[in-house]
Amino acid sequence: MKIVKWIRDGNDGLSSRVEDDDDLLDAAGRALDKACSWDIMGEVLFLADDGKYYTGCVEFMISEANPEYVQDCLTEDEEYDD
């Protein structure tokens, strides 16, 4: 999906180089690699009571924003601009 308007663009000024969700996921992946994200939890692998093996990982996900969060950010930004 194409990004139409940035409200907040993270710590690295993503708006100057990210135009769509693919770019954003690529940038997030590079940031996670740079931060050695695999070291945050260490290697996680376990057998669960359902007989399946599971692994844990640190990741960046894009999900629909809660409307209350959006409104809080917009209100905070308006107060900051005043």
C-alpha atoms as a PDB file:
ATOM      1  CA  MET A   1       0.000   0.000   0.000  1.00  0.00           C
ATOM      2  CA  LYS A   2       1.143   3.556  -0.701  1.00  0.00           C
ATOM      3  CA  ILE A   3       1.728   5.902   2.256  1.00  0.00           C
ATOM      4  CA  VAL A   4      -0.310   9.071   1.711  1.00  0.00           C
ATOM      5  CA  LYS A   5       0.614  11.155   4.763  1.00  0.00           C
ATOM      6  CA  TRP A   6       3.053  10.627   7.625  1.00  0.00           C
ATOM      7  CA  ILE A   7       1.835  11.567  11.111  1.00  0.00           C
ATOM      8  CA  ARG A   8       4.976  10.278  12.848  1.00  0.00           C
ATOM      9  CA  ASP A   9       7.902   8.701  11.050  1.00  0.00           C
ATOM     10  CA  GLY A  10       9.933   7.015  13.772  1.00  0.00           C
ATOM     11  CA  ASN A  11      13.447   7.716  14.967  1.00  0.00           C
ATOM     12  CA  ASP A  12      15.214   7.681  11.605  1.00  0.00           C
ATOM     13  CA  GLY A  13      13.153  10.089   9.488  1.00  0.00           C
ATOM     14  CA  LEU A  14      11.457   7.373   7.464  1.00  0.00           C
ATOM     15  CA  SER A  15       9.309   9.852   5.551  1.00  0.00           C
ATOM     16  CA  SER A  16      12.313  11.005   3.523  1.00  0.00           C
ATOM     17  CA  ARG A  17      12.921   7.551   2.015  1.00  0.00           C
ATOM     18  CA  VAL A  18       9.859   5.338   2.526  1.00  0.00           C
ATOM     19  CA  GLU A  19       6.914   5.520   0.126  1.00  0.00           C
ATOM     20  CA  ASP A  20       4.989   2.279   0.712  1.00  0.00           C
ATOM     21  CA  ASP A  21       4.573  -0.656   3.063  1.00  0.00           C
ATOM     22  CA  ASP A  22       7.267  -2.697   1.303  1.00  0.00           C
ATOM     23  CA  ASP A  23       9.787   0.115   1.837  1.00  0.00           C
ATOM     24  CA  LEU A  24       8.701   0.389   5.472  1.00  0.00           C
ATOM     25  CA  LEU A  25       9.139  -3.331   6.131  1.00  0.00           C
ATOM     26  CA  ASP A  26      12.568  -3.245   4.459  1.00  0.00           C
ATOM     27  CA  ALA A  27      13.614  -0.271   6.620  1.00  0.00           C
ATOM     28  CA  ALA A  28      12.301  -1.985   9.747  1.00  0.00           C
ATOM     29  CA  GLY A  29      14.192  -5.165   8.883  1.00  0.00           C
ATOM     30  CA  ARG A  30      17.431  -3.223   8.463  1.00  0.00           C
ATOM     31  CA  ALA A  31      16.834  -1.451  11.800  1.00  0.00           C
ATOM     32  CA  LEU A  32      16.150  -4.760  13.554  1.00  0.00           C
ATOM     33  CA  ASP A  33      19.328  -6.250  12.073  1.00  0.00           C
ATOM     34  CA  LYS A  34      21.355  -3.174  13.029  1.00  0.00           C
ATOM     35  CA  ALA A  35      20.023  -3.410  16.585  1.00  0.00           C
ATOM     36  CA  CYS A  36      20.919  -7.118  16.763  1.00  0.00           C
ATOM     37  CA  SER A  37      17.264  -7.861  17.521  1.00  0.00           C
ATOM     38  CA  TRP A  38      17.985 -11.585  17.733  1.00  0.00           C
ATOM     39  CA  ASP A  39      19.827 -10.816  20.989  1.00  0.00           C
ATOM     40  CA  ILE A  40      16.825  -9.199  22.685  1.00  0.00           C
ATOM     41  CA  MET A  41      15.359 -12.529  23.776  1.00  0.00           C
ATOM     42  CA  GLY A  42      18.063 -14.918  22.635  1.00  0.00           C
ATOM     43  CA  GLU A  43      17.150 -18.139  20.884  1.00  0.00           C
ATOM     44  CA  VAL A  44      13.645 -19.293  21.844  1.00  0.00           C
ATOM     45  CA  LEU A  45      12.382 -22.748  20.843  1.00  0.00           C
ATOM     46  CA  PHE A  46       9.956 -24.885  22.831  1.00  0.00           C
ATOM     47  CA  LEU A  47       7.661 -27.884  22.637  1.00  0.00           C
ATOM     48  CA  ALA A  48       4.094 -27.136  23.688  1.00  0.00           C
ATOM     49  CA  ASP A  49       1.427 -29.425  25.114  1.00  0.00           C
ATOM     50  CA  ASP A  50      -0.176 -29.641  21.662  1.00  0.00           C
ATOM     51  CA  GLY A  51       2.881 -31.578  20.451  1.00  0.00           C
ATOM     52  CA  LYS A  52       4.115 -28.774  18.199  1.00  0.00           C
ATOM     53  CA  TYR A  53       7.383 -26.865  18.362  1.00  0.00           C
ATOM     54  CA  TYR A  54       7.264 -23.057  18.513  1.00  0.00           C
ATOM     55  CA  THR A  55       9.903 -20.388  18.146  1.00  0.00           C
ATOM     56  CA  GLY A  56       9.836 -16.773  19.310  1.00  0.00           C
ATOM     57  CA  CYS A  57      11.137 -13.805  17.385  1.00  0.00           C
ATOM     58  CA  VAL A  58      11.221 -10.029  17.515  1.00  0.00           C
ATOM     59  CA  GLU A  59       9.545  -8.411  14.521  1.00  0.00           C
ATOM     60  CA  PHE A  60       8.007  -5.259  13.116  1.00  0.00           C
ATOM     61  CA  MET A  61       4.363  -5.505  12.061  1.00  0.00           C
ATOM     62  CA  ILE A  62       2.064  -3.113  10.261  1.00  0.00           C
ATOM     63  CA  SER A  63      -1.447  -3.148  11.701  1.00  0.00           C
ATOM     64  CA  GLU A  64      -4.442  -0.838  11.615  1.00  0.00           C
ATOM     65  CA  ALA A  65      -4.105   1.896  14.239  1.00  0.00           C
ATOM     66  CA  ASN A  66      -6.610   2.186  17.047  1.00  0.00           C
ATOM     67  CA  PRO A  67      -8.678   5.372  16.395  1.00  0.00           C
ATOM     68  CA  GLU A  68      -8.109   6.567  19.977  1.00  0.00           C
ATOM     69  CA  TYR A  69      -4.339   6.306  19.510  1.00  0.00           C
ATOM     70  CA  VAL A  70      -4.546   8.274  16.255  1.00  0.00           C
ATOM     71  CA  GLN A  71      -6.609  10.999  17.911  1.00  0.00           C
ATOM     72  CA  ASP A  72      -4.225  11.170  20.880  1.00  0.00           C
ATOM     73  CA  CYS A  73      -1.244  11.605  18.509  1.00  0.00           C
ATOM     74  CA  LEU A  74      -2.996  14.274  16.463  1.00  0.00           C
ATOM     75  CA  THR A  75      -4.051  16.148  19.606  1.00  0.00           C
ATOM     76  CA  GLU A  76      -0.548  15.917  21.063  1.00  0.00           C
ATOM     77  CA  ASP A  77       0.957  17.204  17.811  1.00  0.00           C
ATOM     78  CA  GLU A  78      -1.492  20.137  17.751  1.00  0.00           C
ATOM     79  CA  GLU A  79      -0.558  21.035  21.329  1.00  0.00           C
ATOM     80  CA  TYR A  80       3.130  20.771  20.458  1.00  0.00           C
ATOM     81  CA  ASP A  81       2.686  23.096  17.464  1.00  0.00           C
ATOM     82  CA  ASP A  82       0.999  25.782  19.607  1.00  0.00           C
END
